[in-house]
């Protein structure tokens, strides 16, 4: 109650904080300038779906992603799902891949220090998190022109993805719908290219360093 202002990362949290008294502003994280349109191209894409995150808890939902992709993988043998991350659950995820006979379609890689290079050649980014604070990976992938598919969880994805424009927001836990959304993009190169063009414009317009820093300056000057 002694605060002058409160900031939240996204619109979803706004109502939860409004009742405390001080003015509440939406203040998303930003992408550093060197990420924006960094050699982004729609023509250098492989038939790869990518997902990244830590594996020390099940928050990132890689088990949900593996299960969803297993519903369609065999129909698309020319596509691969590549998951990047390290942690104590990695062994369980590998076992799940084996249990579902998905070894030819899904591969797990350790944490990468070069995510930009991964995004630049991927065609789709998939997020199956059970919850998020914001979802910086969505900004990172989107800034490189990668269409996004994510579950509609609190918080973050629906504040970043413009449904059916820059990707798809899927009802939380609906793995059939998630698989169908991936398949829409996998089956339609022109749709992927269209969404890639849109997201290359949208992410910098809303989440660039300059845009967010200007918001911070405005708030600070108002106090």
C-alpha atoms as a PDB file:
ATOM      1  CA  UNK A   1       0.000   0.000   0.000  1.00  0.00           C
ATOM      2  CA  UNK A   2       3.022   2.278   0.308  1.00  0.00           C
ATOM      3  CA  UNK A   3       4.014   1.723  -3.309  1.00  0.00           C
ATOM      4  CA  UNK A   4       3.702   4.580  -5.811  1.00  0.00           C
ATOM      5  CA  UNK A   5       3.028   2.219  -8.709  1.00  0.00           C
ATOM      6  CA  UNK A   6       2.900  -1.516  -9.394  1.00  0.00           C
ATOM      7  CA  UNK A   7       3.840  -3.146 -12.685  1.00  0.00           C
ATOM      8  CA  UNK A   8       2.751  -6.534 -14.027  1.00  0.00           C
ATOM      9  CA  UNK A   9       4.195  -8.494 -16.915  1.00  0.00           C
ATOM     10  CA  UNK A  10       0.899  -8.973 -18.744  1.00  0.00           C
ATOM     11  CA  UNK A  11      -2.786  -8.101 -18.919  1.00  0.00           C
ATOM     12  CA  UNK A  12      -3.810 -11.343 -17.228  1.00  0.00           C
ATOM     13  CA  UNK A  13      -2.395 -10.176 -13.894  1.00  0.00           C
ATOM     14  CA  UNK A  14      -3.754  -6.645 -14.068  1.00  0.00           C
ATOM     15  CA  UNK A  15      -7.085  -7.297 -12.331  1.00  0.00           C
ATOM     16  CA  UNK A  16      -5.397  -9.308  -9.581  1.00  0.00           C
ATOM     17  CA  UNK A  17      -3.372  -6.246  -8.537  1.00  0.00           C
ATOM     18  CA  UNK A  18      -5.807  -3.396  -9.128  1.00  0.00           C
ATOM     19  CA  UNK A  19      -7.465  -3.799  -5.721  1.00  0.00           C
ATOM     20  CA  UNK A  20      -4.328  -3.009  -3.699  1.00  0.00           C
ATOM     21  CA  UNK A  21      -4.571   0.739  -4.255  1.00  0.00           C
ATOM     22  CA  UNK A  22      -1.595   2.141  -6.201  1.00  0.00           C
ATOM     23  CA  UNK A  23      -1.807   2.550  -9.992  1.00  0.00           C
ATOM     24  CA  UNK A  24      -1.023  -0.682 -11.843  1.00  0.00           C
ATOM     25  CA  UNK A  25       0.667  -0.701 -15.235  1.00  0.00           C
ATOM     26  CA  UNK A  26       1.414  -3.487 -17.695  1.00  0.00           C
ATOM     27  CA  UNK A  27       5.157  -3.687 -18.238  1.00  0.00           C
ATOM     28  CA  UNK A  28       6.249  -6.667 -20.326  1.00  0.00           C
ATOM     29  CA  UNK A  29       9.785  -7.924 -20.595  1.00  0.00           C
ATOM     30  CA  UNK A  30      11.613  -6.739 -23.689  1.00  0.00           C
ATOM     31  CA  UNK A  31      13.892  -8.276 -26.264  1.00  0.00           C
ATOM     32  CA  UNK A  32      17.392  -6.808 -26.555  1.00  0.00           C
ATOM     33  CA  UNK A  33      17.884  -4.946 -29.805  1.00  0.00           C
ATOM     34  CA  UNK A  34      20.316  -7.548 -31.176  1.00  0.00           C
ATOM     35  CA  UNK A  35      17.475 -10.109 -31.237  1.00  0.00           C
ATOM     36  CA  UNK A  36      15.153  -8.054 -33.423  1.00  0.00           C
ATOM     37  CA  UNK A  37      15.119  -9.246 -37.037  1.00  0.00           C
ATOM     38  CA  UNK A  38      18.523 -10.836 -36.553  1.00  0.00           C
ATOM     39  CA  UNK A  39      18.956 -12.296 -40.063  1.00  0.00           C
ATOM     40  CA  UNK A  40      15.373 -13.549 -39.846  1.00  0.00           C
ATOM     41  CA  UNK A  41      14.137 -15.222 -42.995  1.00  0.00           C
ATOM     42  CA  UNK A  42      11.167 -17.341 -43.985  1.00  0.00           C
ATOM     43  CA  UNK A  43      13.199 -19.226 -46.588  1.00  0.00           C
ATOM     44  CA  UNK A  44      15.764 -21.060 -44.416  1.00  0.00           C
ATOM     45  CA  UNK A  45      13.358 -23.225 -42.454  1.00  0.00           C
ATOM     46  CA  UNK A  46      13.612 -26.932 -41.829  1.00  0.00           C
ATOM     47  CA  UNK A  47      10.631 -29.142 -41.075  1.00  0.00           C
ATOM     48  CA  UNK A  48      11.355 -28.902 -37.381  1.00  0.00           C
ATOM     49  CA  UNK A  49       9.192 -28.009 -34.391  1.00  0.00           C
ATOM     50  CA  UNK A  50      11.247 -26.739 -31.490  1.00  0.00           C
ATOM     51  CA  UNK A  51      10.670 -26.275 -27.764  1.00  0.00           C
ATOM     52  CA  UNK A  52      13.065 -25.156 -25.016  1.00  0.00           C
ATOM     53  CA  UNK A  53      13.129 -24.978 -21.236  1.00  0.00           C
ATOM     54  CA  UNK A  54      14.434 -26.337 -17.985  1.00  0.00           C
ATOM     55  CA  UNK A  55      13.682 -29.902 -16.994  1.00  0.00           C
ATOM     56  CA  UNK A  56      14.158 -29.751 -13.227  1.00  0.00           C
ATOM     57  CA  UNK A  57      10.357 -29.526 -12.725  1.00  0.00           C
ATOM     58  CA  UNK A  58       7.381 -30.481 -14.883  1.00  0.00           C
ATOM     59  CA  UNK A  59       6.295 -26.836 -15.239  1.00  0.00           C
ATOM     60  CA  UNK A  60       7.391 -26.618 -18.871  1.00  0.00           C
ATOM     61  CA  UNK A  61       5.143 -29.548 -19.730  1.00  0.00           C
ATOM     62  CA  UNK A  62       7.405 -31.442 -22.085  1.00  0.00           C
ATOM     63  CA  UNK A  63       5.498 -34.599 -21.189  1.00  0.00           C
ATOM     64  CA  UNK A  64       2.350 -32.907 -22.521  1.00  0.00           C
ATOM     65  CA  UNK A  65       4.154 -31.881 -25.694  1.00  0.00           C
ATOM     66  CA  UNK A  66       5.501 -35.374 -26.328  1.00  0.00           C
ATOM     67  CA  UNK A  67       2.046 -36.877 -25.830  1.00  0.00           C
ATOM     68  CA  UNK A  68       0.394 -34.340 -28.128  1.00  0.00           C
ATOM     69  CA  UNK A  69       2.940 -34.769 -30.886  1.00  0.00           C
ATOM     70  CA  UNK A  70       2.697 -38.555 -30.683  1.00  0.00           C
ATOM     71  CA  UNK A  71      -0.859 -38.246 -32.014  1.00  0.00           C
ATOM     72  CA  UNK A  72       0.330 -36.946 -35.395  1.00  0.00           C
ATOM     73  CA  UNK A  73       4.029 -37.754 -35.716  1.00  0.00           C
ATOM     74  CA  UNK A  74       3.666 -40.922 -37.774  1.00  0.00           C
ATOM     75  CA  UNK A  75       1.630 -39.041 -40.388  1.00  0.00           C
ATOM     76  CA  UNK A  76       4.502 -36.611 -40.901  1.00  0.00           C
ATOM     77  CA  UNK A  77       7.732 -38.643 -41.070  1.00  0.00           C
ATOM     78  CA  UNK A  78       9.560 -35.748 -42.741  1.00  0.00           C
ATOM     79  CA  UNK A  79       9.014 -33.569 -39.633  1.00  0.00           C
ATOM     80  CA  UNK A  80      10.868 -33.693 -36.305  1.00  0.00           C
ATOM     81  CA  UNK A  81      10.167 -32.356 -32.826  1.00  0.00           C
ATOM     82  CA  UNK A  82      13.386 -31.173 -31.179  1.00  0.00           C
ATOM     83  CA  UNK A  83      13.289 -30.386 -27.453  1.00  0.00           C
ATOM     84  CA  UNK A  84      16.159 -28.547 -25.769  1.00  0.00           C
ATOM     85  CA  UNK A  85      16.719 -28.586 -22.024  1.00  0.00           C
ATOM     86  CA  UNK A  86      18.557 -30.127 -19.105  1.00  0.00           C
ATOM     87  CA  UNK A  87      17.473 -31.296 -15.675  1.00  0.00           C
ATOM     88  CA  UNK A  88      16.499 -34.263 -13.570  1.00  0.00           C
ATOM     89  CA  UNK A  89      13.363 -35.001 -15.618  1.00  0.00           C
ATOM     90  CA  UNK A  90      15.173 -35.366 -18.921  1.00  0.00           C
ATOM     91  CA  UNK A  91      15.533 -39.122 -18.341  1.00  0.00           C
ATOM     92  CA  UNK A  92      11.767 -39.444 -17.770  1.00  0.00           C
ATOM     93  CA  UNK A  93      11.018 -37.556 -20.980  1.00  0.00           C
ATOM     94  CA  UNK A  94      13.358 -39.818 -22.919  1.00  0.00           C
ATOM     95  CA  UNK A  95      11.599 -42.847 -21.423  1.00  0.00           C
ATOM     96  CA  UNK A  96       8.209 -41.436 -22.420  1.00  0.00           C
ATOM     97  CA  UNK A  97       9.459 -41.053 -25.985  1.00  0.00           C
ATOM     98  CA  UNK A  98      10.518 -44.696 -25.943  1.00  0.00           C
ATOM     99  CA  UNK A  99       7.238 -45.864 -24.397  1.00  0.00           C
ATOM    100  CA  UNK A 100       5.313 -44.113 -27.181  1.00  0.00           C
ATOM    101  CA  UNK A 101       7.683 -45.426 -29.892  1.00  0.00           C
ATOM    102  CA  UNK A 102       8.498 -41.877 -30.924  1.00  0.00           C
ATOM    103  CA  UNK A 103      12.280 -42.300 -31.204  1.00  0.00           C
ATOM    104  CA  UNK A 104      12.201 -41.583 -34.958  1.00  0.00           C
ATOM    105  CA  UNK A 105      10.147 -38.425 -34.562  1.00  0.00           C
ATOM    106  CA  UNK A 106      11.172 -36.716 -31.305  1.00  0.00           C
ATOM    107  CA  UNK A 107      14.680 -35.928 -30.088  1.00  0.00           C
ATOM    108  CA  UNK A 108      15.857 -34.341 -26.848  1.00  0.00           C
ATOM    109  CA  UNK A 109      18.995 -32.197 -26.795  1.00  0.00           C
ATOM    110  CA  UNK A 110      20.784 -30.749 -23.791  1.00  0.00           C
ATOM    111  CA  UNK A 111      20.489 -27.054 -22.930  1.00  0.00           C
ATOM    112  CA  UNK A 112      21.862 -24.928 -25.778  1.00  0.00           C
ATOM    113  CA  UNK A 113      23.862 -21.723 -25.483  1.00  0.00           C
ATOM    114  CA  UNK A 114      22.947 -20.882 -29.078  1.00  0.00           C
ATOM    115  CA  UNK A 115      19.130 -20.635 -29.120  1.00  0.00           C
ATOM    116  CA  UNK A 116      19.198 -18.010 -31.869  1.00  0.00           C
ATOM    117  CA  UNK A 117      20.710 -20.501 -34.307  1.00  0.00           C
ATOM    118  CA  UNK A 118      18.010 -23.044 -33.393  1.00  0.00           C
ATOM    119  CA  UNK A 119      15.154 -20.582 -33.903  1.00  0.00           C
ATOM    120  CA  UNK A 120      16.528 -19.395 -37.249  1.00  0.00           C
ATOM    121  CA  UNK A 121      16.062 -22.794 -38.891  1.00  0.00           C
ATOM    122  CA  UNK A 122      12.884 -23.978 -37.102  1.00  0.00           C
ATOM    123  CA  UNK A 123       9.431 -23.742 -38.660  1.00  0.00           C
ATOM    124  CA  UNK A 124       7.238 -23.830 -35.514  1.00  0.00           C
ATOM    125  CA  UNK A 125       7.718 -23.169 -31.810  1.00  0.00           C
ATOM    126  CA  UNK A 126       5.594 -25.229 -29.389  1.00  0.00           C
ATOM    127  CA  UNK A 127       4.968 -24.437 -25.713  1.00  0.00           C
ATOM    128  CA  UNK A 128       3.070 -26.840 -23.447  1.00  0.00           C
ATOM    129  CA  UNK A 129       3.855 -25.185 -20.103  1.00  0.00           C
ATOM    130  CA  UNK A 130       1.492 -25.737 -17.194  1.00  0.00           C
ATOM    131  CA  UNK A 131       1.995 -22.123 -16.148  1.00  0.00           C
ATOM    132  CA  UNK A 132       4.214 -19.212 -17.118  1.00  0.00           C
ATOM    133  CA  UNK A 133       5.275 -15.884 -15.698  1.00  0.00           C
ATOM    134  CA  UNK A 134       5.627 -14.426 -19.174  1.00  0.00           C
ATOM    135  CA  UNK A 135       7.234 -16.770 -21.690  1.00  0.00           C
ATOM    136  CA  UNK A 136      10.383 -15.126 -23.047  1.00  0.00           C
ATOM    137  CA  UNK A 137      10.969 -18.028 -25.435  1.00  0.00           C
ATOM    138  CA  UNK A 138       7.839 -16.936 -27.314  1.00  0.00           C
ATOM    139  CA  UNK A 139       9.337 -13.484 -27.852  1.00  0.00           C
ATOM    140  CA  UNK A 140      12.674 -14.953 -28.859  1.00  0.00           C
ATOM    141  CA  UNK A 141      11.243 -17.402 -31.381  1.00  0.00           C
ATOM    142  CA  UNK A 142       8.708 -14.892 -32.681  1.00  0.00           C
ATOM    143  CA  UNK A 143      11.364 -12.243 -33.249  1.00  0.00           C
ATOM    144  CA  UNK A 144      13.072 -14.721 -35.567  1.00  0.00           C
ATOM    145  CA  UNK A 145       9.862 -15.272 -37.538  1.00  0.00           C
ATOM    146  CA  UNK A 146       8.774 -18.584 -35.993  1.00  0.00           C
ATOM    147  CA  UNK A 147       4.978 -19.104 -35.657  1.00  0.00           C
ATOM    148  CA  UNK A 148       3.919 -20.100 -32.136  1.00  0.00           C
ATOM    149  CA  UNK A 149       1.588 -22.722 -30.655  1.00  0.00           C
ATOM    150  CA  UNK A 150       0.908 -22.675 -26.906  1.00  0.00           C
ATOM    151  CA  UNK A 151      -1.596 -23.764 -24.302  1.00  0.00           C
ATOM    152  CA  UNK A 152      -3.819 -21.017 -22.900  1.00  0.00           C
ATOM    153  CA  UNK A 153      -2.311 -20.971 -19.409  1.00  0.00           C
ATOM    154  CA  UNK A 154      -1.697 -18.288 -16.842  1.00  0.00           C
ATOM    155  CA  UNK A 155       0.246 -16.226 -17.518  1.00  0.00           C
ATOM    156  CA  UNK A 156       1.726 -14.901 -20.713  1.00  0.00           C
ATOM    157  CA  UNK A 157       0.983 -16.833 -23.919  1.00  0.00           C
ATOM    158  CA  UNK A 158      -2.295 -15.093 -24.761  1.00  0.00           C
ATOM    159  CA  UNK A 159      -0.637 -11.719 -24.166  1.00  0.00           C
ATOM    160  CA  UNK A 160       2.038 -12.559 -26.723  1.00  0.00           C
ATOM    161  CA  UNK A 161       0.381 -14.725 -29.381  1.00  0.00           C
ATOM    162  CA  UNK A 162      -2.294 -13.219 -31.628  1.00  0.00           C
ATOM    163  CA  UNK A 163      -4.490 -16.248 -32.199  1.00  0.00           C
ATOM    164  CA  UNK A 164      -4.682 -17.370 -35.848  1.00  0.00           C
ATOM    165  CA  UNK A 165      -2.433 -14.442 -36.829  1.00  0.00           C
ATOM    166  CA  UNK A 166       0.994 -15.136 -35.315  1.00  0.00           C
ATOM    167  CA  UNK A 167       0.202 -18.622 -34.028  1.00  0.00           C
ATOM    168  CA  UNK A 168      -2.418 -20.552 -32.079  1.00  0.00           C
ATOM    169  CA  UNK A 169      -3.641 -20.458 -28.489  1.00  0.00           C
ATOM    170  CA  UNK A 170      -5.007 -23.866 -27.497  1.00  0.00           C
ATOM    171  CA  UNK A 171      -7.352 -24.688 -24.560  1.00  0.00           C
ATOM    172  CA  UNK A 172      -5.154 -25.814 -21.693  1.00  0.00           C
ATOM    173  CA  UNK A 173      -4.609 -29.557 -21.624  1.00  0.00           C
ATOM    174  CA  UNK A 174      -6.422 -30.312 -24.899  1.00  0.00           C
ATOM    175  CA  UNK A 175      -3.692 -32.360 -26.539  1.00  0.00           C
ATOM    176  CA  UNK A 176      -5.885 -33.268 -29.526  1.00  0.00           C
ATOM    177  CA  UNK A 177      -6.485 -29.598 -30.298  1.00  0.00           C
ATOM    178  CA  UNK A 178      -2.800 -28.859 -29.734  1.00  0.00           C
ATOM    179  CA  UNK A 179      -1.823 -31.562 -32.210  1.00  0.00           C
ATOM    180  CA  UNK A 180      -4.379 -30.253 -34.708  1.00  0.00           C
ATOM    181  CA  UNK A 181      -2.958 -26.745 -34.414  1.00  0.00           C
ATOM    182  CA  UNK A 182       0.543 -28.021 -35.068  1.00  0.00           C
ATOM    183  CA  UNK A 183      -0.745 -30.012 -38.018  1.00  0.00           C
ATOM    184  CA  UNK A 184      -2.399 -26.955 -39.570  1.00  0.00           C
ATOM    185  CA  UNK A 185       0.974 -25.291 -39.747  1.00  0.00           C
ATOM    186  CA  UNK A 186       2.853 -28.417 -40.757  1.00  0.00           C
ATOM    187  CA  UNK A 187       0.516 -29.013 -43.701  1.00  0.00           C
ATOM    188  CA  UNK A 188       0.487 -25.450 -45.011  1.00  0.00           C
ATOM    189  CA  UNK A 189       3.771 -23.791 -45.957  1.00  0.00           C
ATOM    190  CA  UNK A 190       2.005 -20.645 -47.128  1.00  0.00           C
ATOM    191  CA  UNK A 191       0.266 -20.321 -43.753  1.00  0.00           C
ATOM    192  CA  UNK A 192       3.601 -20.667 -41.975  1.00  0.00           C
ATOM    193  CA  UNK A 193       5.109 -17.989 -44.208  1.00  0.00           C
ATOM    194  CA  UNK A 194       2.141 -15.683 -43.643  1.00  0.00           C
ATOM    195  CA  UNK A 195       2.348 -16.045 -39.866  1.00  0.00           C
ATOM    196  CA  UNK A 196       6.111 -15.600 -40.017  1.00  0.00           C
ATOM    197  CA  UNK A 197       5.729 -12.272 -41.798  1.00  0.00           C
ATOM    198  CA  UNK A 198       3.098 -11.142 -39.265  1.00  0.00           C
ATOM    199  CA  UNK A 199       5.087 -12.086 -36.199  1.00  0.00           C
ATOM    200  CA  UNK A 200       8.239 -10.435 -37.526  1.00  0.00           C
ATOM    201  CA  UNK A 201       6.260  -7.184 -37.498  1.00  0.00           C
ATOM    202  CA  UNK A 202       4.305  -7.771 -34.300  1.00  0.00           C
ATOM    203  CA  UNK A 203       7.034  -8.675 -31.801  1.00  0.00           C
ATOM    204  CA  UNK A 204       9.245  -5.616 -32.408  1.00  0.00           C
ATOM    205  CA  UNK A 205       6.200  -3.332 -32.426  1.00  0.00           C
ATOM    206  CA  UNK A 206       5.174  -4.442 -28.931  1.00  0.00           C
ATOM    207  CA  UNK A 207       8.245  -5.875 -27.200  1.00  0.00           C
ATOM    208  CA  UNK A 208      11.369  -4.166 -28.510  1.00  0.00           C
ATOM    209  CA  UNK A 209      13.812  -2.641 -26.054  1.00  0.00           C
ATOM    210  CA  UNK A 210      12.934   0.868 -27.198  1.00  0.00           C
ATOM    211  CA  UNK A 211       9.169   0.373 -26.876  1.00  0.00           C
ATOM    212  CA  UNK A 212       9.401  -0.994 -23.332  1.00  0.00           C
ATOM    213  CA  UNK A 213      12.066   1.442 -22.139  1.00  0.00           C
ATOM    214  CA  UNK A 214       9.917   4.351 -23.341  1.00  0.00           C
ATOM    215  CA  UNK A 215       7.092   2.976 -21.172  1.00  0.00           C
ATOM    216  CA  UNK A 216       9.410   2.769 -18.167  1.00  0.00           C
ATOM    217  CA  UNK A 217      10.588   6.346 -18.665  1.00  0.00           C
ATOM    218  CA  UNK A 218       7.003   7.565 -18.895  1.00  0.00           C
ATOM    219  CA  UNK A 219       6.047   5.836 -15.626  1.00  0.00           C
ATOM    220  CA  UNK A 220       9.153   6.994 -13.764  1.00  0.00           C
ATOM    221  CA  UNK A 221       8.612  10.572 -14.893  1.00  0.00           C
ATOM    222  CA  UNK A 222       5.015  10.456 -13.684  1.00  0.00           C
ATOM    223  CA  UNK A 223       5.948   9.685 -10.070  1.00  0.00           C
END
